[in-house]
Structures are given as C-alpha cells and as structure tokens.
Protein backbone atom coordinates (compact mmCIF):
# COMPACT_ATOMS: atom_id res chain seq x y z
CA MET A 1 10.76 -6.83 20.13
CA ILE A 2 9.64 -7.46 16.57
CA VAL A 3 7.49 -10.46 15.76
CA LYS A 4 7.52 -12.08 12.33
CA LEU A 5 4.18 -13.06 10.86
CA ARG A 6 4.20 -16.56 9.46
CA GLY A 7 1.76 -18.98 7.91
CA ALA A 8 -0.14 -19.23 4.65
CA GLY A 9 -3.89 -18.63 4.50
CA MET A 10 -6.77 -20.21 2.62
CA TRP A 11 -9.36 -18.55 0.39
CA LYS A 12 -12.85 -17.86 1.55
CA LYS A 13 -15.42 -16.22 -0.69
CA ALA A 14 -19.03 -15.24 -0.28
CA VAL A 15 -21.65 -13.02 -1.85
CA LEU A 16 -23.90 -10.76 0.22
CA LEU A 17 -26.44 -8.12 -0.83
CA ILE A 18 -25.59 -4.58 0.24
CA THR A 19 -28.50 -2.99 2.08
CA GLY A 20 -26.97 0.37 2.80
CA VAL A 21 -24.78 -0.27 5.82
CA VAL A 22 -23.05 2.88 6.98
CA VAL A 23 -20.71 2.70 9.95
CA ALA A 24 -19.71 6.06 11.35
CA GLY A 25 -16.63 7.06 13.26
CA ILE A 26 -13.96 5.31 11.17
CA SER A 27 -11.51 7.26 9.06
CA GLY A 28 -8.44 6.66 6.99
CA VAL A 29 -7.19 3.37 5.56
CA CYS A 30 -5.64 2.28 2.42
CA PHE A 31 -4.71 -0.76 0.57
CA GLY A 32 -7.30 -3.27 1.63
CA ILE A 33 -10.27 -1.05 1.07
CA ARG A 34 -9.61 1.67 -1.46
CA VAL A 35 -12.68 1.22 -3.55
CA ILE A 36 -15.49 -0.11 -1.40
CA PRO A 37 -17.67 3.01 -1.64
CA GLU A 38 -17.30 3.22 -5.40
CA LEU A 39 -17.88 -0.45 -6.05
CA ALA A 40 -20.77 -0.67 -3.65
CA ALA A 41 -22.43 2.09 -5.65
CA GLN A 42 -21.96 -0.01 -8.77
CA GLY A 43 -23.27 -3.10 -7.01
CA GLU A 44 -20.16 -5.19 -7.50
CA LEU A 45 -16.72 -5.70 -6.06
CA THR A 46 -13.79 -8.00 -6.58
CA ALA A 47 -12.04 -8.66 -3.33
CA MET A 48 -8.73 -10.43 -3.36
CA THR A 49 -7.54 -11.94 -0.16
CA ALA A 50 -4.59 -10.89 1.76
CA ALA A 51 -3.28 -10.35 5.13
CA GLY A 52 -3.81 -7.34 7.13
CA PHE A 53 -7.34 -6.23 6.39
CA ILE A 54 -8.99 -4.21 9.11
CA VAL A 55 -12.62 -4.72 9.99
CA PRO A 56 -14.28 -2.81 12.80
CA ALA A 57 -16.50 -5.09 14.89
CA GLY A 58 -19.87 -5.76 13.30
CA ALA A 59 -19.03 -3.88 10.12
CA ALA A 60 -17.89 -6.67 7.80
CA GLN A 61 -19.67 -7.45 4.57
CA ILE A 62 -18.34 -9.93 2.08
CA LEU A 63 -18.76 -9.09 -1.57
CA LYS A 64 -17.82 -10.74 -4.80
CA GLY A 65 -17.64 -9.45 -8.35
CA ASN A 66 -15.24 -8.03 -10.87
CA THR A 67 -14.10 -4.51 -11.51
CA ASP A 68 -11.54 -2.93 -13.74
CA THR A 69 -10.01 -0.49 -11.33
CA GLU A 70 -9.76 -1.07 -7.63
CA HIS A 71 -9.54 -4.36 -5.77
CA MET A 72 -8.95 -5.20 -2.18
CA THR A 73 -5.66 -6.90 -1.58
CA SER A 74 -2.99 -6.86 1.07
CA GLU A 75 -0.78 -9.47 2.54
CA GLU A 76 -0.74 -12.60 4.70
CA ALA A 77 -4.46 -13.20 4.49
CA SER A 78 -6.85 -16.02 4.50
CA SER A 79 -10.23 -14.48 3.91
CA VAL A 80 -11.99 -11.69 2.05
CA VAL A 81 -13.65 -9.11 4.25
CA SER A 82 -14.79 -5.58 3.58
CA THR A 83 -17.01 -2.89 4.99
CA ALA A 84 -19.14 -0.02 3.76
CA GLU A 85 -18.51 2.99 5.95
CA SER A 86 -19.18 6.68 6.03
CA SER A 87 -15.59 7.70 5.43
CA ALA A 88 -13.03 5.02 4.65
CA PRO A 89 -13.89 1.39 5.24
CA GLN A 90 -11.48 -0.94 6.91
CA SER A 91 -10.82 -4.65 6.86
CA SER A 92 -9.31 -7.32 9.11
CA THR A 93 -6.96 -10.22 9.46
CA PRO A 94 -9.13 -13.30 10.07
CA SER A 95 -9.00 -15.00 13.42
CA SER A 96 -7.58 -18.14 11.81
CA GLN A 97 -4.35 -16.31 11.04
CA PRO A 98 -1.67 -17.49 13.47
CA VAL A 99 0.02 -14.45 14.97
CA SER A 100 2.39 -14.17 17.88
CA SER A 101 1.59 -10.92 19.62
CA THR A 102 4.01 -8.41 21.03
CA VAL A 103 2.70 -5.06 22.17
CA SER A 104 4.77 -2.08 21.14
CA SER A 105 6.12 0.10 23.90
CA GLY A 106 5.68 3.81 23.65
CA SER A 107 3.73 6.78 24.92
CA THR A 108 -0.06 6.81 25.24
CA ASP A 109 -1.86 10.05 24.51
CA LYS A 110 -4.42 10.38 27.29
CA LYS A 111 -6.65 12.84 25.43
CA TRP A 112 -8.28 10.01 23.46
CA THR A 113 -11.43 8.55 24.97
CA GLY A 114 -12.42 5.91 22.39
CA LYS A 115 -12.05 2.17 22.69
CA ALA A 116 -8.42 1.18 23.24
CA TYR A 117 -6.59 -1.47 21.21
CA PRO A 118 -3.00 -2.64 21.66
CA VAL A 119 -0.44 -1.88 18.98
CA GLU A 120 1.62 -4.89 17.89
CA GLU A 121 5.01 -4.28 16.34
CA VAL A 122 5.57 -6.91 13.64
CA THR A 123 7.78 -7.74 10.70
CA ILE A 124 5.89 -9.19 7.74
CA THR A 125 7.94 -11.67 5.73
CA GLN A 126 5.58 -14.36 4.47
CA GLY A 127 5.02 -14.94 0.75
CA ASN A 128 4.37 -17.91 -1.49
CA THR A 129 7.10 -17.39 -4.09
CA GLU A 130 10.75 -16.76 -3.30
CA SER A 131 14.04 -16.58 -5.19
CA ASN A 132 17.19 -14.51 -5.29
CA GLY A 133 16.38 -12.94 -1.94
CA ILE A 134 13.01 -11.69 -3.17
CA VAL A 135 9.70 -12.79 -1.68
CA VAL A 136 6.42 -12.35 -3.56
CA ARG A 137 2.85 -12.83 -2.41
CA ASN A 138 1.17 -14.01 -5.62
CA LEU A 139 -2.60 -13.55 -5.30
CA THR A 140 -3.48 -14.27 -8.92
CA LYS A 141 -5.23 -17.37 -10.18
CA ASN A 142 -3.73 -17.62 -13.65
CA HIS A 143 -0.18 -16.33 -13.43
CA LYS A 144 2.90 -17.88 -11.94
CA ILE A 145 5.87 -15.73 -10.97
CA ASP A 146 9.36 -16.64 -12.16
CA ILE A 147 11.42 -14.13 -10.21
CA ASP A 148 14.75 -14.97 -11.86
CA GLN A 149 13.30 -14.67 -15.34
CA ILE A 150 11.65 -11.34 -14.58
CA LEU A 151 14.86 -9.96 -13.12
CA GLY A 152 16.56 -10.77 -16.45
CA GLU A 153 13.99 -8.80 -18.46
CA LYS A 154 14.63 -5.10 -18.98
CA PRO A 155 11.94 -2.63 -17.92
CA ASP A 156 10.60 -0.35 -20.62
CA ILE A 157 12.37 2.61 -19.03
CA SER A 158 15.19 4.66 -20.48
CA LEU A 159 15.82 7.81 -18.51
CA LYS A 160 17.75 10.77 -19.90
CA LYS A 161 18.80 11.87 -16.40
CA ASP A 162 19.27 15.40 -17.73
CA GLY A 163 17.12 17.11 -15.12
CA SER A 164 13.94 16.95 -17.16
CA ILE A 165 10.84 15.61 -15.40
CA GLU A 166 10.79 11.83 -15.80
CA VAL A 167 9.21 10.66 -12.52
CA LEU A 168 5.81 11.56 -11.08
CA ILE A 169 5.01 11.01 -7.40
CA TYR A 170 1.38 11.39 -6.38
CA HIS A 171 -1.10 10.11 -3.81
CA THR A 172 -4.53 8.65 -4.54
CA HIS A 173 -5.32 8.66 -0.81
CA SER A 174 -3.49 11.85 -0.06
CA SER A 175 -4.72 12.38 3.51
CA GLU A 176 -3.60 9.00 4.91
CA ALA A 177 -1.74 9.92 8.08
CA TYR A 178 0.54 8.49 10.76
CA LEU A 179 0.96 8.84 14.51
CA ALA A 180 2.86 11.89 15.69
CA GLU A 181 4.74 9.76 18.23
CA GLU A 182 5.08 6.12 19.11
CA SER A 183 2.25 4.62 21.14
CA GLY A 184 1.51 1.19 22.50
CA THR A 185 -2.22 1.89 22.30
CA TYR A 186 -4.55 2.81 19.47
CA TYR A 187 -7.83 4.54 20.32
CA SER A 188 -10.86 4.26 18.07
CA ASP A 189 -11.28 8.04 17.98
CA MET A 190 -7.72 8.71 16.86
CA PRO A 191 -7.75 10.46 13.48
CA THR A 192 -6.07 8.46 10.73
CA ARG A 193 -6.38 11.12 8.04
CA SER A 194 -4.98 14.61 7.95
CA GLN A 195 -4.74 17.48 5.49
CA LYS A 196 -1.42 18.55 7.01
CA GLU A 197 1.41 17.58 4.70
CA ASP A 198 3.82 17.01 7.57
CA GLU A 199 1.49 14.37 9.06
CA ASN A 200 0.42 12.32 6.04
CA VAL A 201 1.81 10.37 3.08
CA MET A 202 2.82 13.59 1.34
CA ALA A 203 5.74 13.85 3.75
CA VAL A 204 6.86 10.39 2.62
CA GLY A 205 6.52 11.36 -1.03
CA GLU A 206 8.67 14.41 -0.45
CA GLU A 207 11.44 12.30 1.09
CA ILE A 208 11.43 10.08 -2.00
CA ALA A 209 11.44 13.11 -4.31
CA ASN A 210 14.40 14.65 -2.46
CA GLU A 211 16.47 11.48 -2.84
CA LEU A 212 15.71 11.30 -6.57
CA ARG A 213 16.71 14.93 -7.01
CA LYS A 214 20.00 14.19 -5.26
CA ALA A 215 20.53 11.42 -7.82
CA GLY A 216 20.02 13.92 -10.64
CA ILE A 217 16.62 12.53 -11.66
CA GLY A 218 13.90 15.00 -12.58
CA VAL A 219 10.79 14.47 -10.47
CA ILE A 220 7.51 16.22 -9.84
CA HIS A 221 5.67 15.61 -6.58
CA ASP A 222 2.02 16.36 -7.21
CA LYS A 223 0.30 17.17 -3.90
CA THR A 224 -3.27 17.23 -5.14
CA TYR A 225 -5.75 15.79 -2.64
CA HIS A 226 -7.82 13.07 -4.25
CA ASP A 227 -9.56 11.59 -1.19
CA TYR A 228 -10.71 14.82 0.44
CA PRO A 229 -13.35 16.09 0.92
CA ALA A 230 -14.80 12.99 -0.80
CA TYR A 231 -13.28 9.53 -0.51
CA ASN A 232 -15.44 8.06 -3.28
CA GLY A 233 -13.85 8.49 -6.70
CA SER A 234 -10.28 8.86 -5.42
CA TYR A 235 -8.78 6.71 -8.16
CA THR A 236 -10.74 8.44 -10.89
CA ARG A 237 -9.44 11.79 -9.71
CA SER A 238 -5.85 10.57 -9.35
CA ALA A 239 -6.04 9.18 -12.90
CA ASP A 240 -6.93 12.69 -14.08
CA THR A 241 -3.91 14.03 -12.19
CA ILE A 242 -1.64 11.49 -13.86
CA LYS A 243 -2.96 12.35 -17.32
CA LYS A 244 -2.57 16.08 -16.63
CA ASN A 245 1.07 15.62 -15.63
CA LEU A 246 1.78 13.34 -18.60
CA ALA A 247 0.41 16.03 -20.91
CA GLU A 248 2.48 18.76 -19.26
CA HIS A 249 5.62 16.62 -18.94
CA PRO A 250 5.62 14.06 -21.76
CA GLY A 251 9.01 12.78 -20.60
CA ILE A 252 7.45 11.14 -17.52
CA GLN A 253 8.07 7.39 -17.63
CA ILE A 254 7.52 6.42 -14.00
CA THR A 255 4.49 7.14 -11.81
CA LEU A 256 4.55 6.24 -8.10
CA ASP A 257 1.36 6.21 -6.05
CA ILE A 258 2.45 6.49 -2.41
CA HIS A 259 0.07 5.12 0.25
CA ARG A 260 0.05 3.79 3.77
CA ASP A 261 -1.63 0.55 4.81
CA ALA A 262 -3.85 -0.37 7.78
CA ILE A 263 -3.61 -3.78 9.41
CA SER A 264 -5.32 -5.31 12.42
CA GLY A 265 -6.00 -8.63 14.07
CA SER A 266 -9.27 -10.36 14.79
CA SER A 267 -9.61 -8.67 18.18
CA GLY A 268 -9.01 -5.19 16.80
CA GLU A 269 -5.34 -4.92 17.71
CA ARG A 270 -3.46 -2.66 15.30
CA ARG A 271 -0.32 -3.93 13.65
CA LYS A 272 2.74 -1.84 13.04
CA PRO A 273 5.06 -3.33 10.38
CA THR A 274 8.52 -2.20 11.39
CA ALA A 275 12.12 -2.83 10.39
CA VAL A 276 15.27 -1.65 12.12
CA VAL A 277 17.78 -0.10 9.71
CA ASN A 278 21.08 1.26 10.98
CA GLY A 279 19.73 1.04 14.51
CA LYS A 280 16.69 3.17 13.68
CA LYS A 281 13.06 2.14 13.27
CA ALA A 282 11.58 2.34 9.79
CA ALA A 283 8.08 1.53 8.56
CA GLN A 284 8.11 -1.59 6.41
CA VAL A 285 7.44 -0.93 2.72
CA MET A 286 5.37 -2.96 0.26
CA LEU A 287 5.30 -2.77 -3.53
CA LEU A 288 2.12 -3.73 -5.35
CA CYS A 289 2.20 -4.78 -8.99
CA GLY A 290 -1.10 -5.53 -10.71
CA CYS A 291 -1.89 -7.66 -13.73
CA ASP A 292 -4.79 -8.51 -16.01
CA ASP A 293 -5.28 -12.04 -14.75
CA ASP A 294 -8.14 -13.07 -17.03
CA GLY A 295 -8.13 -10.41 -19.76
CA THR A 296 -11.06 -8.41 -18.38
CA LEU A 297 -9.32 -5.53 -16.60
CA GLY A 298 -8.17 -3.50 -19.59
CA HIS A 299 -4.64 -3.56 -18.23
CA PRO A 300 -2.30 -4.32 -21.16
CA ASP A 301 1.48 -4.43 -20.87
CA TRP A 302 1.35 -4.91 -17.10
CA GLU A 303 4.50 -7.03 -17.37
CA TYR A 304 6.59 -3.88 -17.78
CA ASN A 305 5.49 -2.55 -14.39
CA LEU A 306 6.35 -5.89 -12.84
CA ARG A 307 9.85 -5.81 -14.32
CA LEU A 308 10.49 -2.39 -12.84
CA GLY A 309 8.96 -3.39 -9.51
CA MET A 310 11.16 -6.48 -9.32
CA GLN A 311 14.30 -4.40 -9.92
CA ILE A 312 13.30 -2.03 -7.13
CA GLN A 313 12.41 -4.88 -4.78
CA GLN A 314 15.81 -6.45 -5.37
CA GLU A 315 17.66 -3.21 -4.65
CA CYS A 316 15.60 -2.54 -1.53
CA GLU A 317 16.28 -6.06 -0.26
CA LYS A 318 19.88 -4.93 0.17
CA ILE A 319 18.70 -2.69 2.98
CA GLU A 320 19.05 -4.44 6.32
CA GLY A 321 16.37 -5.52 8.73
CA ASP A 322 13.59 -6.87 6.47
CA PHE A 323 12.93 -3.36 5.23
CA MET A 324 10.60 -4.63 2.50
CA ARG A 325 7.43 -6.60 2.97
CA PRO A 326 6.93 -9.24 0.27
CA MET A 327 5.85 -7.77 -3.05
CA THR A 328 2.14 -8.23 -3.71
CA PHE A 329 1.22 -9.41 -7.22
CA SER A 330 -2.51 -9.31 -7.81
CA ALA A 331 -5.27 -9.04 -10.39
CA THR A 332 -5.63 -5.30 -9.98
CA LYS A 333 -5.13 -2.12 -11.97
CA TYR A 334 -4.99 0.94 -9.68
CA ASN A 335 -4.18 3.26 -12.61
CA GLN A 336 -1.08 1.20 -13.38
CA ASN A 337 -2.28 0.92 -16.97
CA LEU A 338 -1.30 4.53 -17.70
CA THR A 339 2.46 4.04 -18.12
CA HIS A 340 4.96 1.19 -18.38
CA GLY A 341 6.51 2.34 -15.11
CA SER A 342 3.52 2.59 -12.76
CA LEU A 343 3.76 1.26 -9.21
CA LEU A 344 1.82 1.51 -5.97
CA VAL A 345 3.87 1.61 -2.77
CA GLU A 346 2.62 1.19 0.83
CA PHE A 347 4.61 2.74 3.69
CA GLY A 348 3.71 1.31 7.09
CA THR A 349 0.28 1.59 8.67
CA GLU A 350 -1.70 4.16 10.63
CA VAL A 351 0.13 3.18 13.84
CA ASN A 352 3.61 3.76 12.48
CA THR A 353 4.98 7.17 13.37
CA ILE A 354 5.49 9.88 10.80
CA ASP A 355 9.23 9.79 11.50
CA GLU A 356 9.37 6.05 10.79
CA ALA A 357 7.47 6.55 7.53
CA LYS A 358 9.66 9.47 6.45
CA TYR A 359 12.79 7.47 7.19
CA SER A 360 11.46 4.70 4.99
CA GLY A 361 10.75 7.24 2.26
CA GLN A 362 14.37 8.34 2.43
CA LEU A 363 15.68 4.76 2.28
CA PHE A 364 13.32 3.79 -0.52
CA GLY A 365 14.13 6.92 -2.51
CA GLU A 366 17.84 6.26 -2.25
CA ALA A 367 17.41 2.68 -3.48
CA LEU A 368 15.05 3.79 -6.24
CA GLY A 369 17.59 6.34 -7.41
CA LYS A 370 20.21 3.60 -7.76
CA VAL A 371 17.84 1.50 -9.86
CA LEU A 372 16.89 4.39 -12.12
CA GLN A 373 20.51 5.37 -12.60
CA ARG A 374 21.07 1.95 -14.15
CA LEU A 375 18.15 2.18 -16.56
C-alpha cells in the first residue's frame, strides 16, 4: 500500500554555535544535507526548510546564514534541521508533520546488527503551487511561481540533434547508493554509499543516457567521483568536472546532476517514495530548480533553468502513478549557474531498490528525450 503525504508545514529558524560535533557511523545522503561540512567550516549555512530531512537521534544542530552554493532543501517540511557528521550528515522530518504510516513489505537482511527502523512506502504529492497538472513546492521568499506563464516561455535550448555531445550527465554525490533488494527494515549499519556503479546513482545516470542516445541526442555520462574519498568539497569538484566537459564539448547545453534523496520521520523510520508505473514499482523523482532569491547568490539567468525544468516536469506528469514528486523551487545554486540548462534531479531515497531507481531513470530519460526533441 502506498501512503500519500499531505499537509503544509511552518517555518522554524534558529541560530546555534558549532562546537565541533562529529557523529560517527552515518553515511550517504543527499539533498537535505549536501553542504553541511563545507558550510560549517566557513561558519555559516543557509538552510531552507522542506520535507524529508533525516536527523539521527541527538545529532541535530540548527544553523542560519547565507551561502552562494549549497543549501539544504527538500520537500514537505516544517522545520530546518541539520547535523555535522563524520561522513555525510542527515536530516529529519519534524514530528509535527502529519504522516500516515505504512510499513513496506519485503525481505530483511539478517546480517545487519544495527538499530532497526521500519521502512514506510509513501507517495509524495504535496506542494503549495499547482496548475496544469504540475505541482511545485515553492520555498523562496521573494518569488511567486506562475506555472502557466513559465510553460509558455521557451527555454534557452536549441539542440542540433546531430549526434554531437549536447547533454552532460554527472553526479556531485556519486557514491549515493540504493538497497540491493526490497526490505521492510532499515538498519543503522547498512551502507548507503558505494563505489560500485551498479549499486549507486551512476546506474541511474546510465539509464537516462541510454534513453537519450536512443532518441538520437548526443550525451556524455561523466562518472567522476566527487564525494569520495572526501565528502567535503563535492560541489566544488563537480563544478570543475562541468567546466572541463564544457571546454571539451562546447556544444553542451544541458547539464543534469543526478542524486538520490534520504527521508525519515521523527522516530527514525525511513521513507521510500514510490510510484507504480505499468504495474511496476519505480522510485519517485524530484526536480530541483534554484534561483537567486535576493540577488546575493551570483546565480543570473536562473529563469532559463526553470523553463526547461517545467517542460520536463510537464512531460513526466504524463507518466502514470504520481511518478514525479512536486518540483522544488528554492533559493539555491548547486552549480546551476554554469549553463542555461542546468538541473538537479533526485531519484528515490536510500531505501528504494536499485531496480526501482534504474526503472525511474529509464522512464525519466524517455520523457526527457521527448522534451529535447521538441527544442
């Protein structure tokens, strides 16, 4: 059974001094916490609220600030929480978030001995702006979203479709991994990162690349690891990878940063955003489009990314079963300032299976190919 998450949240903000908290034993997460180590080192952090942050017990620290690269955002949230951890920090859905729980059925791998948490299979549908079948979670303070108007504005993309390289797929958090098989239980000592390409987000990126190639669109899938062996500086390193590819392939107009999310509830339960498409389970997918909300991010022309993202969201909404989570629109950059066709895409969470994530990569790639064929 799939449970739909409903209900809007409220903002909570606070400022705490960082005194060097390091929590060991946690690895792998994405969206909500990409930059904590880097920002903590700088002494400041902008955290934007959203649903689905994961916070291990006793590890939360709330920070406030402003940064020009990496923010914390996800979906369906009502408070800002973050952690400083030895590997990859995680964040959590606040206890005030109303959630109807359904535990996913599946196998349990008995070799794990850590603390056990249930896995909840959910479908995330809640946003605060909706039109034309598209739902957006607008987390900005200064920008309203007119979905119909944006859909009528052409992206700054004009592909030759002659086989030359025009799309770059890469991974800032390259080692983010998935479960090998479905499980109704998550153990705290389960690895959530892997350097094996058939276990992590690289497998998803390859599915997308294959679908684009079938559509006659030239694509390069850069498999550079940016978060291993060091997590700190991942976005700086992935920016260098983007620039390198742009120099080698000046025809690149679209850059896709493929991630996976991590979502939990207040009691540590892990959430598995899932859709059923053609009778088969797929990991739900979320597009993130950033903007320069107050002119301080150094993120000009962000509107072009949003136009492209809206076209893709609309095409993907044609896929059955709530395949797409609401688009997240936030005051973030995430290297999206480097082209007029830069997007960040989240595929499922650490408790989705690799097969579910790969299936979503195939579906997303097919829809993306249709969009790009029109541009």
